[in-house]
C-alpha atoms as a PDB file:
ATOM      1  CA  MET A   1    -187.218-113.940 139.414  1.00  0.00           C
ATOM      2  CA  PRO A   2    -185.013-111.378 139.981  1.00  0.00           C
ATOM      3  CA  VAL A   3    -182.750-110.709 137.464  1.00  0.00           C
ATOM      4  CA  ASP A   4    -179.566-110.297 139.841  1.00  0.00           C
ATOM      5  CA  ARG A   5    -179.756-114.386 140.650  1.00  0.00           C
ATOM      6  CA  CYS A   6    -177.605-115.686 137.763  1.00  0.00           C
ATOM      7  CA  ARG A   7    -174.875-112.817 138.585  1.00  0.00           C
ATOM      8  CA  ALA A   8    -174.984-113.651 142.203  1.00  0.00           C
ATOM      9  CA  ASP A   9    -174.496-117.336 141.100  1.00  0.00           C
ATOM     10  CA  ALA A  10    -171.328-116.651 138.470  1.00  0.00           C
ATOM     11  CA  ILE A  11    -169.775-114.602 141.597  1.00  0.00           C
ATOM     12  CA  ILE A  12    -169.911-118.422 143.506  1.00  0.00           C
ATOM     13  CA  LEU A  13    -168.887-120.408 140.889  1.00  0.00           C
ATOM     14  CA  ALA A  14    -165.962-117.734 140.459  1.00  0.00           C
ATOM     15  CA  GLY A  15    -164.968-118.484 143.554  1.00  0.00           C
ATOM     16  CA  GLY A  16    -165.453-122.299 143.103  1.00  0.00           C
ATOM     17  CA  SER A  17    -166.703-122.771 146.730  1.00  0.00           C
ATOM     18  CA  GLY A  18    -167.837-126.729 146.443  1.00  0.00           C
ATOM     19  CA  MET A  19    -171.522-126.262 144.974  1.00  0.00           C
ATOM     20  CA  LYS A  20    -172.697-129.648 143.719  1.00  0.00           C
ATOM     21  CA  LYS A  21    -174.217-130.429 140.414  1.00  0.00           C
ATOM     22  CA  LEU A  22    -173.732-127.051 138.921  1.00  0.00           C
ATOM     23  CA  THR A  23    -173.092-127.213 135.258  1.00  0.00           C
ATOM     24  CA  ILE A  24    -172.113-124.140 132.631  1.00  0.00           C
ATOM     25  CA  LEU A  25    -173.059-124.498 129.356  1.00  0.00           C
ATOM     26  CA  LEU A  26    -170.793-121.728 127.480  1.00  0.00           C
ATOM     27  CA  LEU A  27    -173.031-120.170 124.464  1.00  0.00           C
ATOM     28  CA  ILE A  28    -172.617-117.781 121.665  1.00  0.00           C
ATOM     29  CA  GLY A  29    -172.457-113.880 123.041  1.00  0.00           C
ATOM     30  CA  ALA A  30    -170.590-115.350 126.342  1.00  0.00           C
ATOM     31  CA  ALA A  31    -174.345-116.232 128.295  1.00  0.00           C
ATOM     32  CA  ALA A  32    -174.413-118.874 130.569  1.00  0.00           C
ATOM     33  CA  ALA A  33    -176.860-122.075 131.328  1.00  0.00           C
ATOM     34  CA  VAL A  34    -176.565-122.275 135.232  1.00  0.00           C
ATOM     35  CA  ALA A  35    -178.445-124.732 137.890  1.00  0.00           C
ATOM     36  CA  PHE A  36    -179.493-122.209 140.754  1.00  0.00           C
ATOM     37  CA  PRO A  37    -178.160-123.347 144.138  1.00  0.00           C
ATOM     38  CA  ALA A  38    -180.080-123.760 147.032  1.00  0.00           C
ATOM     39  CA  HIS A  39    -179.654-120.088 148.114  1.00  0.00           C
ATOM     40  CA  ALA A  40    -180.863-118.836 144.838  1.00  0.00           C
ATOM     41  CA  TRP A  41    -184.564-119.580 145.652  1.00  0.00           C
ATOM     42  CA  ALA A  42    -186.008-116.763 147.266  1.00  0.00           C
ATOM     43  CA  LYS A  43    -189.776-115.263 146.923  1.00  0.00           C
ATOM     44  CA  PRO A  44    -189.991-112.212 145.181  1.00  0.00           C
ATOM     45  CA  ARG A  45    -189.770-109.280 147.017  1.00  0.00           C
ATOM     46  CA  ILE A  46    -192.760-106.570 146.428  1.00  0.00           C
ATOM     47  CA  GLY A  47    -193.206-103.230 147.953  1.00  0.00           C
ATOM     48  CA  ILE A  48    -196.303-101.275 148.093  1.00  0.00           C
ATOM     49  CA  PRO A  49    -196.296 -97.449 148.617  1.00  0.00           C
ATOM     50  CA  LYS A  50    -199.254 -96.120 149.397  1.00  0.00           C
ATOM     51  CA  PHE A  51    -202.012 -95.626 146.755  1.00  0.00           C
ATOM     52  CA  ASP A  52    -202.796 -92.461 144.717  1.00  0.00           C
ATOM     53  CA  HIS A  53    -205.766 -90.793 146.332  1.00  0.00           C
ATOM     54  CA  GLN A  54    -207.695 -87.221 147.529  1.00  0.00           C
ATOM     55  CA  LEU A  55    -207.576 -88.644 150.932  1.00  0.00           C
ATOM     56  CA  PRO A  56    -203.985 -89.511 151.750  1.00  0.00           C
ATOM     57  CA  SER A  57    -205.861 -92.037 154.851  1.00  0.00           C
ATOM     58  CA  VAL A  58    -207.387 -94.302 152.297  1.00  0.00           C
ATOM     59  CA  GLY A  59    -204.412 -94.404 150.084  1.00  0.00           C
ATOM     60  CA  GLU A  60    -202.075 -95.878 153.081  1.00  0.00           C
ATOM     61  CA  GLY A  61    -205.013 -97.840 154.221  1.00  0.00           C
ATOM     62  CA  ILE A  62    -205.525 -99.660 150.858  1.00  0.00           C
ATOM     63  CA  ALA A  63    -202.271-100.457 150.415  1.00  0.00           C
ATOM     64  CA  ASP A  64    -201.974-101.500 154.306  1.00  0.00           C
ATOM     65  CA  ILE A  65    -204.449-104.195 153.270  1.00  0.00           C
ATOM     66  CA  LEU A  66    -202.801-105.297 150.188  1.00  0.00           C
ATOM     67  CA  ALA A  67    -199.701-105.712 151.626  1.00  0.00           C
ATOM     68  CA  ARG A  68    -201.145-107.899 154.456  1.00  0.00           C
ATOM     69  CA  GLU A  69    -203.108-110.285 151.860  1.00  0.00           C
ATOM     70  CA  LEU A  70    -200.127-110.506 149.986  1.00  0.00           C
ATOM     71  CA  PHE A  71    -198.178-111.727 152.535  1.00  0.00           C
ATOM     72  CA  LYS A  72    -200.894-114.483 154.045  1.00  0.00           C
ATOM     73  CA  SER A  73    -200.460-115.485 150.031  1.00  0.00           C
ATOM     74  CA  GLY A  74    -197.292-117.471 150.743  1.00  0.00           C
ATOM     75  CA  ARG A  75    -195.744-116.201 147.469  1.00  0.00           C
ATOM     76  CA  PHE A  76    -194.075-112.860 148.536  1.00  0.00           C
ATOM     77  CA  SER A  77    -191.854-111.702 150.835  1.00  0.00           C
ATOM     78  CA  VAL A  78    -193.651-108.031 151.549  1.00  0.00           C
ATOM     79  CA  ILE A  79    -191.484-104.702 152.481  1.00  0.00           C
ATOM     80  CA  GLU A  80    -192.832-103.119 155.549  1.00  0.00           C
ATOM     81  CA  ARG A  81    -194.518-100.300 154.386  1.00  0.00           C
ATOM     82  CA  SER A  82    -192.100 -97.970 156.778  1.00  0.00           C
ATOM     83  CA  GLU A  83    -188.928 -99.456 155.514  1.00  0.00           C
ATOM     84  CA  LEU A  84    -190.087 -98.616 152.073  1.00  0.00           C
ATOM     85  CA  GLU A  85    -191.126 -95.220 152.250  1.00  0.00           C
ATOM     86  CA  ALA A  86    -187.289 -94.726 153.832  1.00  0.00           C
ATOM     87  CA  LEU A  87    -185.978 -96.173 150.708  1.00  0.00           C
ATOM     88  CA  LEU A  88    -188.363 -94.308 148.087  1.00  0.00           C
ATOM     89  CA  SER A  89    -187.545 -90.945 149.764  1.00  0.00           C
ATOM     90  CA  GLU A  90    -183.868 -91.292 148.749  1.00  0.00           C
ATOM     91  CA  ILE A  91    -184.910 -91.570 145.204  1.00  0.00           C
ATOM     92  CA  ASP A  92    -187.231 -88.467 145.600  1.00  0.00           C
ATOM     93  CA  PHE A  93    -189.865 -91.177 144.029  1.00  0.00           C
ATOM     94  CA  GLU A  94    -193.229 -89.205 143.287  1.00  0.00           C
ATOM     95  CA  GLN A  95    -195.956 -92.288 143.356  1.00  0.00           C
ATOM     96  CA  SER A  96    -198.936 -89.596 141.792  1.00  0.00           C
ATOM     97  CA  ARG A  97    -196.400 -88.344 138.984  1.00  0.00           C
ATOM     98  CA  TYR A  98    -195.349 -91.968 138.323  1.00  0.00           C
ATOM     99  CA  VAL A  99    -198.707 -93.186 138.315  1.00  0.00           C
ATOM    100  CA  GLU A 100    -199.906 -90.881 135.611  1.00  0.00           C
ATOM    101  CA  ALA A 101    -196.433 -90.943 133.486  1.00  0.00           C
ATOM    102  CA  GLU A 102    -195.643 -92.797 130.486  1.00  0.00           C
ATOM    103  CA  SER A 103    -192.098 -93.277 131.033  1.00  0.00           C
ATOM    104  CA  ALA A 104    -190.557 -95.207 134.266  1.00  0.00           C
ATOM    105  CA  VAL A 105    -189.001 -93.462 136.899  1.00  0.00           C
ATOM    106  CA  PRO A 106    -185.788 -94.566 138.033  1.00  0.00           C
ATOM    107  CA  LEU A 107    -185.832 -97.420 140.268  1.00  0.00           C
ATOM    108  CA  GLY A 108    -182.800 -98.995 140.266  1.00  0.00           C
ATOM    109  CA  GLU A 109    -181.605 -97.892 143.552  1.00  0.00           C
ATOM    110  CA  VAL A 110    -184.546 -99.106 145.380  1.00  0.00           C
ATOM    111  CA  LYS A 111    -182.457-102.236 147.114  1.00  0.00           C
ATOM    112  CA  GLY A 112    -183.467-105.260 148.640  1.00  0.00           C
ATOM    113  CA  VAL A 113    -187.150-104.508 146.768  1.00  0.00           C
ATOM    114  CA  ASP A 114    -187.489-107.063 143.529  1.00  0.00           C
ATOM    115  CA  TYR A 115    -191.134-105.458 142.217  1.00  0.00           C
ATOM    116  CA  LEU A 116    -193.258-102.175 143.019  1.00  0.00           C
ATOM    117  CA  LEU A 117    -196.694-102.290 142.677  1.00  0.00           C
ATOM    118  CA  ILE A 118    -198.226 -99.151 142.665  1.00  0.00           C
ATOM    119  CA  GLY A 119    -202.050 -98.406 142.400  1.00  0.00           C
ATOM    120  CA  LYS A 120    -204.371 -95.208 142.497  1.00  0.00           C
ATOM    121  CA  ILE A 121    -207.560 -95.380 143.769  1.00  0.00           C
ATOM    122  CA  THR A 122    -210.038 -94.375 140.963  1.00  0.00           C
ATOM    123  CA  ALA A 123    -213.514 -95.169 142.629  1.00  0.00           C
ATOM    124  CA  PHE A 124    -214.413 -95.535 146.044  1.00  0.00           C
ATOM    125  CA  GLY A 125    -217.303 -94.848 147.806  1.00  0.00           C
ATOM    126  CA  VAL A 126    -221.465 -95.712 147.279  1.00  0.00           C
ATOM    127  CA  LYS A 127    -223.794 -95.288 144.324  1.00  0.00           C
ATOM    128  CA  GLU A 128    -227.290 -94.628 145.223  1.00  0.00           C
ATOM    129  CA  LYS A 129    -230.246 -95.130 143.330  1.00  0.00           C
ATOM    130  CA  GLU A 130    -233.970 -94.432 143.517  1.00  0.00           C
ATOM    131  CA  VAL A 131    -236.480 -96.923 143.141  1.00  0.00           C
ATOM    132  CA  GLY A 132    -240.119 -96.899 143.596  1.00  0.00           C
ATOM    133  CA  ILE A 133    -243.910 -97.458 142.888  1.00  0.00           C
ATOM    134  CA  GLY A 134    -245.767 -94.172 142.374  1.00  0.00           C
ATOM    135  CA  ALA A 135    -246.149 -93.364 138.747  1.00  0.00           C
ATOM    136  CA  GLY A 136    -248.953 -96.034 138.417  1.00  0.00           C
ATOM    137  CA  SER A 137    -252.288 -96.387 139.707  1.00  0.00           C
ATOM    138  CA  PHE A 138    -250.668 -98.654 142.636  1.00  0.00           C
ATOM    139  CA  GLY A 139    -249.316 -95.981 144.587  1.00  0.00           C
ATOM    140  CA  GLN A 140    -252.308 -93.447 143.348  1.00  0.00           C
ATOM    141  CA  SER A 141    -254.747 -95.613 145.015  1.00  0.00           C
ATOM    142  CA  LEU A 142    -253.198 -96.032 148.234  1.00  0.00           C
ATOM    143  CA  GLY A 143    -253.093 -92.620 148.295  1.00  0.00           C
ATOM    144  CA  LEU A 144    -249.447 -92.595 149.427  1.00  0.00           C
ATOM    145  CA  GLY A 145    -247.896 -90.494 146.597  1.00  0.00           C
ATOM    146  CA  GLY A 146    -245.597 -93.496 145.472  1.00  0.00           C
ATOM    147  CA  LEU A 147    -243.187 -95.780 147.369  1.00  0.00           C
ATOM    148  CA  LYS A 148    -239.819 -94.536 147.179  1.00  0.00           C
ATOM    149  CA  SER A 149    -236.578 -96.839 148.385  1.00  0.00           C
ATOM    150  CA  GLU A 150    -233.166 -96.292 147.676  1.00  0.00           C
ATOM    151  CA  LYS A 151    -230.989 -98.889 146.239  1.00  0.00           C
ATOM    152  CA  LYS A 152    -227.323 -98.474 147.102  1.00  0.00           C
ATOM    153  CA  THR A 153    -224.224-100.300 145.576  1.00  0.00           C
ATOM    154  CA  ALA A 154    -220.599 -99.890 146.902  1.00  0.00           C
ATOM    155  CA  TYR A 155    -218.272 -99.994 144.647  1.00  0.00           C
ATOM    156  CA  ALA A 156    -213.766 -99.913 145.106  1.00  0.00           C
ATOM    157  CA  SER A 157    -211.888 -99.997 141.706  1.00  0.00           C
ATOM    158  CA  PHE A 158    -207.934 -99.457 141.852  1.00  0.00           C
ATOM    159  CA  ASP A 159    -205.433 -98.913 138.519  1.00  0.00           C
ATOM    160  CA  LEU A 160    -202.536-100.808 139.007  1.00  0.00           C
ATOM    161  CA  ARG A 161    -198.844-101.381 137.638  1.00  0.00           C
ATOM    162  CA  LEU A 162    -196.352-103.631 138.559  1.00  0.00           C
ATOM    163  CA  VAL A 163    -192.716-102.179 138.266  1.00  0.00           C
ATOM    164  CA  GLU A 164    -189.534-104.356 138.143  1.00  0.00           C
ATOM    165  CA  VAL A 165    -187.364-102.359 139.856  1.00  0.00           C
ATOM    166  CA  ALA A 166    -183.899-102.987 138.851  1.00  0.00           C
ATOM    167  CA  THR A 167    -185.281-102.086 135.076  1.00  0.00           C
ATOM    168  CA  GLY A 168    -187.967 -99.619 136.091  1.00  0.00           C
ATOM    169  CA  LYS A 169    -190.307-101.597 133.239  1.00  0.00           C
ATOM    170  CA  VAL A 170    -193.277-101.862 133.883  1.00  0.00           C
ATOM    171  CA  VAL A 171    -194.656-105.787 133.826  1.00  0.00           C
ATOM    172  CA  PHE A 172    -197.910-105.357 133.472  1.00  0.00           C
ATOM    173  CA  ALA A 173    -200.687-102.593 133.995  1.00  0.00           C
ATOM    174  CA  ASP A 174    -204.580-103.332 134.772  1.00  0.00           C
ATOM    175  CA  THR A 175    -207.612-102.748 136.821  1.00  0.00           C
ATOM    176  CA  ALA A 176    -208.942-104.331 139.507  1.00  0.00           C
ATOM    177  CA  GLU A 177    -212.877-103.830 140.852  1.00  0.00           C
ATOM    178  CA  GLY A 178    -215.450-104.436 143.577  1.00  0.00           C
ATOM    179  CA  GLU A 179    -218.692-103.668 144.448  1.00  0.00           C
ATOM    180  CA  GLU A 180    -221.259-105.017 147.352  1.00  0.00           C
ATOM    181  CA  LYS A 181    -225.127-104.833 146.918  1.00  0.00           C
ATOM    182  CA  ASN A 182    -225.854-106.415 150.030  1.00  0.00           C
ATOM    183  CA  ARG A 183    -228.640-103.881 151.562  1.00  0.00           C
ATOM    184  CA  GLY A 184    -228.269-106.121 155.134  1.00  0.00           C
ATOM    185  CA  LEU A 185    -225.106-104.099 156.064  1.00  0.00           C
ATOM    186  CA  ALA A 186    -223.907-100.623 156.781  1.00  0.00           C
ATOM    187  CA  VAL A 187    -223.246 -98.891 154.141  1.00  0.00           C
ATOM    188  CA  ALA A 188    -219.925 -97.470 155.907  1.00  0.00           C
ATOM    189  CA  ALA A 189    -218.820 -96.953 159.702  1.00  0.00           C
ATOM    190  CA  GLY A 190    -218.898 -93.366 160.867  1.00  0.00           C
ATOM    191  CA  GLY A 191    -220.745 -90.297 159.571  1.00  0.00           C
ATOM    192  CA  PRO A 192    -220.050 -87.604 157.626  1.00  0.00           C
ATOM    193  CA  GLY A 193    -216.708 -87.343 157.045  1.00  0.00           C
ATOM    194  CA  TRP A 194    -216.331 -91.301 156.508  1.00  0.00           C
ATOM    195  CA  ALA A 195    -213.589 -92.231 154.319  1.00  0.00           C
ATOM    196  CA  ALA A 196    -211.225 -89.977 156.397  1.00  0.00           C
ATOM    197  CA  ALA A 197    -212.162 -91.297 159.472  1.00  0.00           C
ATOM    198  CA  LEU A 198    -212.319 -95.102 158.591  1.00  0.00           C
ATOM    199  CA  ASP A 199    -210.292 -97.723 160.575  1.00  0.00           C
ATOM    200  CA  PHE A 200    -209.577 -99.669 157.954  1.00  0.00           C
ATOM    201  CA  SER A 201    -207.424-102.832 159.773  1.00  0.00           C
ATOM    202  CA  SER A 202    -211.082-103.105 161.941  1.00  0.00           C
ATOM    203  CA  ASP A 203    -213.134-105.853 161.783  1.00  0.00           C
ATOM    204  CA  GLU A 204    -215.880-102.866 161.819  1.00  0.00           C
ATOM    205  CA  PHE A 205    -214.942-101.401 158.141  1.00  0.00           C
ATOM    206  CA  ARG A 206    -214.161-105.463 156.701  1.00  0.00           C
ATOM    207  CA  GLU A 207    -218.258-105.343 157.585  1.00  0.00           C
ATOM    208  CA  THR A 208    -219.661-102.545 155.912  1.00  0.00           C
ATOM    209  CA  MET A 209    -220.531-102.397 152.009  1.00  0.00           C
ATOM    210  CA  ILE A 210    -217.601-100.801 151.391  1.00  0.00           C
ATOM    211  CA  GLY A 211    -215.132-102.988 153.175  1.00  0.00           C
ATOM    212  CA  ARG A 212    -216.676-105.865 151.271  1.00  0.00           C
ATOM    213  CA  ALA A 213    -216.374-104.254 148.030  1.00  0.00           C
ATOM    214  CA  THR A 214    -212.733-103.174 148.926  1.00  0.00           C
ATOM    215  CA  TYR A 215    -211.458-106.891 149.735  1.00  0.00           C
ATOM    216  CA  LYS A 216    -213.521-108.095 146.547  1.00  0.00           C
ATOM    217  CA  ALA A 217    -211.689-105.610 144.681  1.00  0.00           C
ATOM    218  CA  ILE A 218    -208.087-106.789 146.521  1.00  0.00           C
ATOM    219  CA  GLY A 219    -208.903-110.400 145.782  1.00  0.00           C
ATOM    220  CA  LYS A 220    -209.048-109.599 141.851  1.00  0.00           C
ATOM    221  CA  VAL A 221    -205.566-107.721 142.797  1.00  0.00           C
ATOM    222  CA  LEU A 222    -203.788-111.042 144.230  1.00  0.00           C
ATOM    223  CA  LEU A 223    -205.455-113.280 140.935  1.00  0.00           C
ATOM    224  CA  LYS A 224    -203.852-111.193 138.260  1.00  0.00           C
ATOM    225  CA  LEU A 225    -200.520-111.278 140.711  1.00  0.00           C
ATOM    226  CA  TYR A 226    -200.881-115.158 140.848  1.00  0.00           C
ATOM    227  CA  GLU A 227    -200.816-115.450 137.332  1.00  0.00           C
ATOM    228  CA  ARG A 228    -197.631-114.066 137.006  1.00  0.00           C
ATOM    229  CA  PHE A 229    -196.163-115.433 139.840  1.00  0.00           C
ATOM    230  CA  PRO A 230    -196.879-119.543 141.043  1.00  0.00           C
ATOM    231  CA  LEU A 231    -197.223-120.482 144.223  1.00  0.00           C
ATOM    232  CA  GLU A 232    -193.279-121.839 144.476  1.00  0.00           C
ATOM    233  CA  GLY A 233    -190.639-123.013 147.372  1.00  0.00           C
ATOM    234  CA  ARG A 234    -187.679-124.647 147.653  1.00  0.00           C
ATOM    235  CA  VAL A 235    -186.309-128.095 149.188  1.00  0.00           C
ATOM    236  CA  LEU A 236    -184.551-126.474 151.950  1.00  0.00           C
ATOM    237  CA  VAL A 237    -183.652-130.316 153.427  1.00  0.00           C
ATOM    238  CA  ARG A 238    -183.488-134.081 152.528  1.00  0.00           C
ATOM    239  CA  LYS A 239    -183.347-136.241 154.686  1.00  0.00           C
ATOM    240  CA  GLY A 240    -183.618-140.285 153.918  1.00  0.00           C
ATOM    241  CA  ASP A 241    -186.762-140.347 152.142  1.00  0.00           C
ATOM    242  CA  VAL A 242    -188.384-137.278 153.711  1.00  0.00           C
ATOM    243  CA  ILE A 243    -187.552-133.558 152.381  1.00  0.00           C
ATOM    244  CA  ILE A 244    -188.751-129.727 154.341  1.00  0.00           C
ATOM    245  CA  ALA A 245    -190.290-127.268 151.972  1.00  0.00           C
ATOM    246  CA  ASP A 246    -190.521-123.361 152.532  1.00  0.00           C
ATOM    247  CA  LEU A 247    -194.521-123.516 151.979  1.00  0.00           C
ATOM    248  CA  SER A 248    -196.565-122.488 154.700  1.00  0.00           C
ATOM    249  CA  PRO A 249    -200.382-123.640 155.281  1.00  0.00           C
ATOM    250  CA  GLU A 250    -201.246-120.254 154.711  1.00  0.00           C
ATOM    251  CA  THR A 251    -200.901-120.644 151.046  1.00  0.00           C
ATOM    252  CA  GLY A 252    -203.901-122.333 151.242  1.00  0.00           C
ATOM    253  CA  LEU A 253    -202.169-126.476 151.027  1.00  0.00           C
ATOM    254  CA  PRO A 254    -203.489-128.832 152.384  1.00  0.00           C
ATOM    255  CA  GLN A 255    -201.999-131.742 154.269  1.00  0.00           C
ATOM    256  CA  GLY A 256    -201.459-134.357 151.773  1.00  0.00           C
ATOM    257  CA  ALA A 257    -201.245-131.941 148.654  1.00  0.00           C
ATOM    258  CA  MET A 258    -198.674-133.629 146.158  1.00  0.00           C
ATOM    259  CA  LEU A 259    -195.728-131.220 145.074  1.00  0.00           C
ATOM    260  CA  ARG A 260    -193.564-131.316 142.062  1.00  0.00           C
ATOM    261  CA  ILE A 261    -190.012-131.260 142.493  1.00  0.00           C
ATOM    262  CA  LEU A 262    -188.294-129.247 139.755  1.00  0.00           C
ATOM    263  CA  ARG A 263    -184.643-129.081 138.606  1.00  0.00           C
ATOM    264  CA  VAL A 264    -183.847-125.647 136.829  1.00  0.00           C
ATOM    265  CA  THR A 265    -181.814-124.100 134.974  1.00  0.00           C
ATOM    266  CA  ALA A 266    -181.537-120.800 133.554  1.00  0.00           C
ATOM    267  CA  ILE A 267    -179.464-118.797 130.838  1.00  0.00           C
ATOM    268  CA  CYS A 268    -177.703-116.062 131.393  1.00  0.00           C
ATOM    269  CA  ASP A 269    -176.421-113.523 128.938  1.00  0.00           C
ATOM    270  CA  GLU A 270    -172.903-111.741 129.418  1.00  0.00           C
ATOM    271  CA  LYS A 271    -174.608-109.520 132.056  1.00  0.00           C
ATOM    272  CA  GLY A 272    -175.714-111.930 134.016  1.00  0.00           C
ATOM    273  CA  ASN A 273    -179.438-111.289 133.426  1.00  0.00           C
ATOM    274  CA  VAL A 274    -181.813-114.472 133.262  1.00  0.00           C
ATOM    275  CA  VAL A 275    -183.270-114.735 129.811  1.00  0.00           C
ATOM    276  CA  TRP A 276    -184.320-117.759 129.593  1.00  0.00           C
ATOM    277  CA  GLN A 277    -185.031-121.009 132.130  1.00  0.00           C
ATOM    278  CA  THR A 278    -185.992-124.731 131.797  1.00  0.00           C
ATOM    279  CA  MET A 279    -187.191-126.870 134.210  1.00  0.00           C
ATOM    280  CA  GLU A 280    -187.002-130.576 134.463  1.00  0.00           C
ATOM    281  CA  GLU A 281    -189.404-132.751 136.777  1.00  0.00           C
ATOM    282  CA  ALA A 282    -187.043-134.656 139.478  1.00  0.00           C
ATOM    283  CA  GLY A 283    -189.985-136.379 141.645  1.00  0.00           C
ATOM    284  CA  SER A 284    -192.407-135.845 143.532  1.00  0.00           C
ATOM    285  CA  ALA A 285    -193.462-135.385 147.420  1.00  0.00           C
ATOM    286  CA  ARG A 286    -196.698-135.723 149.661  1.00  0.00           C
ATOM    287  CA  ILE A 287    -197.483-133.354 152.666  1.00  0.00           C
ATOM    288  CA  SER A 288    -197.054-134.880 155.543  1.00  0.00           C
ATOM    289  CA  GLU A 289    -197.368-131.800 158.161  1.00  0.00           C
ATOM    290  CA  PHE A 290    -196.800-128.270 158.716  1.00  0.00           C
ATOM    291  CA  GLN A 291    -194.437-126.549 161.309  1.00  0.00           C
ATOM    292  CA  GLY A 292    -194.049-122.755 161.224  1.00  0.00           C
ATOM    293  CA  GLY A 293    -193.794-121.370 157.683  1.00  0.00           C
ATOM    294  CA  ASN A 294    -192.452-124.798 156.192  1.00  0.00           C
ATOM    295  CA  CYS A 295    -193.815-128.316 155.352  1.00  0.00           C
ATOM    296  CA  MET A 296    -192.587-131.568 155.774  1.00  0.00           C
ATOM    297  CA  ALA A 297    -193.309-134.093 152.939  1.00  0.00           C
ATOM    298  CA  GLU A 298    -192.515-137.522 151.988  1.00  0.00           C
ATOM    299  CA  ILE A 299    -190.283-138.413 148.792  1.00  0.00           C
ATOM    300  CA  VAL A 300    -193.128-140.475 146.097  1.00  0.00           C
ATOM    301  CA  THR A 301    -191.232-140.923 143.239  1.00  0.00           C
ATOM    302  CA  GLY A 302    -187.488-139.049 142.260  1.00  0.00           C
ATOM    303  CA  ARG A 303    -185.548-140.893 145.142  1.00  0.00           C
ATOM    304  CA  ASN A 304    -182.586-140.890 143.881  1.00  0.00           C
ATOM    305  CA  GLU A 305    -182.938-137.199 142.184  1.00  0.00           C
ATOM    306  CA  ILE A 306    -184.233-135.033 144.663  1.00  0.00           C
ATOM    307  CA  GLU A 307    -182.057-132.679 146.659  1.00  0.00           C
ATOM    308  CA  ALA A 308    -181.951-129.382 148.402  1.00  0.00           C
ATOM    309  CA  GLY A 309    -182.242-126.357 146.349  1.00  0.00           C
ATOM    310  CA  MET A 310    -184.970-127.727 144.048  1.00  0.00           C
ATOM    311  CA  LEU A 311    -188.031-125.685 143.034  1.00  0.00           C
ATOM    312  CA  VAL A 312    -190.974-126.962 144.585  1.00  0.00           C
ATOM    313  CA  ARG A 313    -194.800-126.300 143.290  1.00  0.00           C
ATOM    314  CA  PRO A 314    -197.959-128.033 144.276  1.00  0.00           C
ATOM    315  CA  ALA A 315    -199.022-130.475 141.755  1.00  0.00           C
ATOM    316  CA  GLU A 316    -202.847-128.454 141.560  1.00  0.00           C
ATOM    317  CA  ASP A 317    -202.427-124.755 142.052  1.00  0.00           C
ATOM    318  CA  VAL A 318    -204.190-123.540 145.224  1.00  0.00           C
ATOM    319  CA  VAL A 319    -204.554-119.544 145.691  1.00  0.00           C
ATOM    320  CA  TYR A 320    -205.415-117.739 148.550  1.00  0.00           C
ATOM    321  CA  LEU A 321    -208.368-115.168 148.770  1.00  0.00           C
ATOM    322  CA  PRO A 322    -210.030-113.127 151.264  1.00  0.00           C
ATOM    323  CA  PRO A 323    -213.287-114.947 152.232  1.00  0.00           C
ATOM    324  CA  GLU A 324    -215.091-111.906 150.256  1.00  0.00           C
ATOM    325  CA  ALA A 325    -213.322-112.752 147.230  1.00  0.00           C
ATOM    326  CA  ALA A 326    -213.579-116.078 147.284  1.00  0.00           C
ATOM    327  CA  GLU A 327    -217.013-116.151 148.011  1.00  0.00           C
ATOM    328  CA  GLU A 328    -217.564-114.232 144.841  1.00  0.00           C
ATOM    329  CA  VAL A 329    -215.168-116.410 142.591  1.00  0.00           C
ATOM    330  CA  ASN A 330    -217.210-119.743 143.679  1.00  0.00           C
ATOM    331  CA  GLN A 331    -220.385-118.525 142.665  1.00  0.00           C
ATOM    332  CA  PRO A 332    -221.826-121.003 140.230  1.00  0.00           C
ATOM    333  CA  THR A 333    -222.092-119.298 137.182  1.00  0.00           C
ATOM    334  CA  SER A 334    -225.780-118.912 135.432  1.00  0.00           C
END
């Protein structure tokens, strides 16, 4: 979660603005434990600059695909790239230099962004390998001089760094790869110079070998982010035995899914940074329907405990993946 939330809570408490059930425990070093109010829950705000690649259109296209798929997951607030580029231009952000650098760039001035997901495309194309029969007697006996065909594999690979904007620290660095060997598909859309002419938002691109390889790699990026950011929302409203939570059907949650309702207490240092948090289960609820980006759920347990502002997580984790990546994940292992 963003590190400034404890600081925001401290301001509200100092103003004495009638927040309910907020408990402050003074700790050694002037640290405090704060139960978060309703406003404090927000999805991580993530920006994705264009990926580093020799063709700017490829870097922009893949960053845009990742932003769209990340938004569909329902776990993040994704900053529009045009807005993000305007913010980054104010600090003279150089993506390619940062990707290669060991030290973090000063990012504290990028307002309204919690994390930057910075990528470098290390492979994007098609490998070809000739396979054939011809060296042996079979080809010679037919007088064909050998039977040859091309075996092609489309491949996409990204190097990634997730940077916490407030500190400039690299939260994680990893690689995501995808490949496609389906010989029934077109290799890529277009002829010579195909990469520069790609329309990354089109169905035509998605249905090519290189398109499927790209979406498989994107799926692996999502899985890596899900490990760090579990699916969660908050109780927006409670009315009787029903709650409204900000979890949408795009997250993959079905009607009837069980939700865990959690009370969270954060421990902050003297600067207001969250250094520790604890969670206590307050109850559970079952999703009955969706509307827009929210769900309605009927309280099952904890009727005397659940209130607006509490954290909501699915009892069983559900992840959104592009269909191309989901097919690969769901394939039985031998």
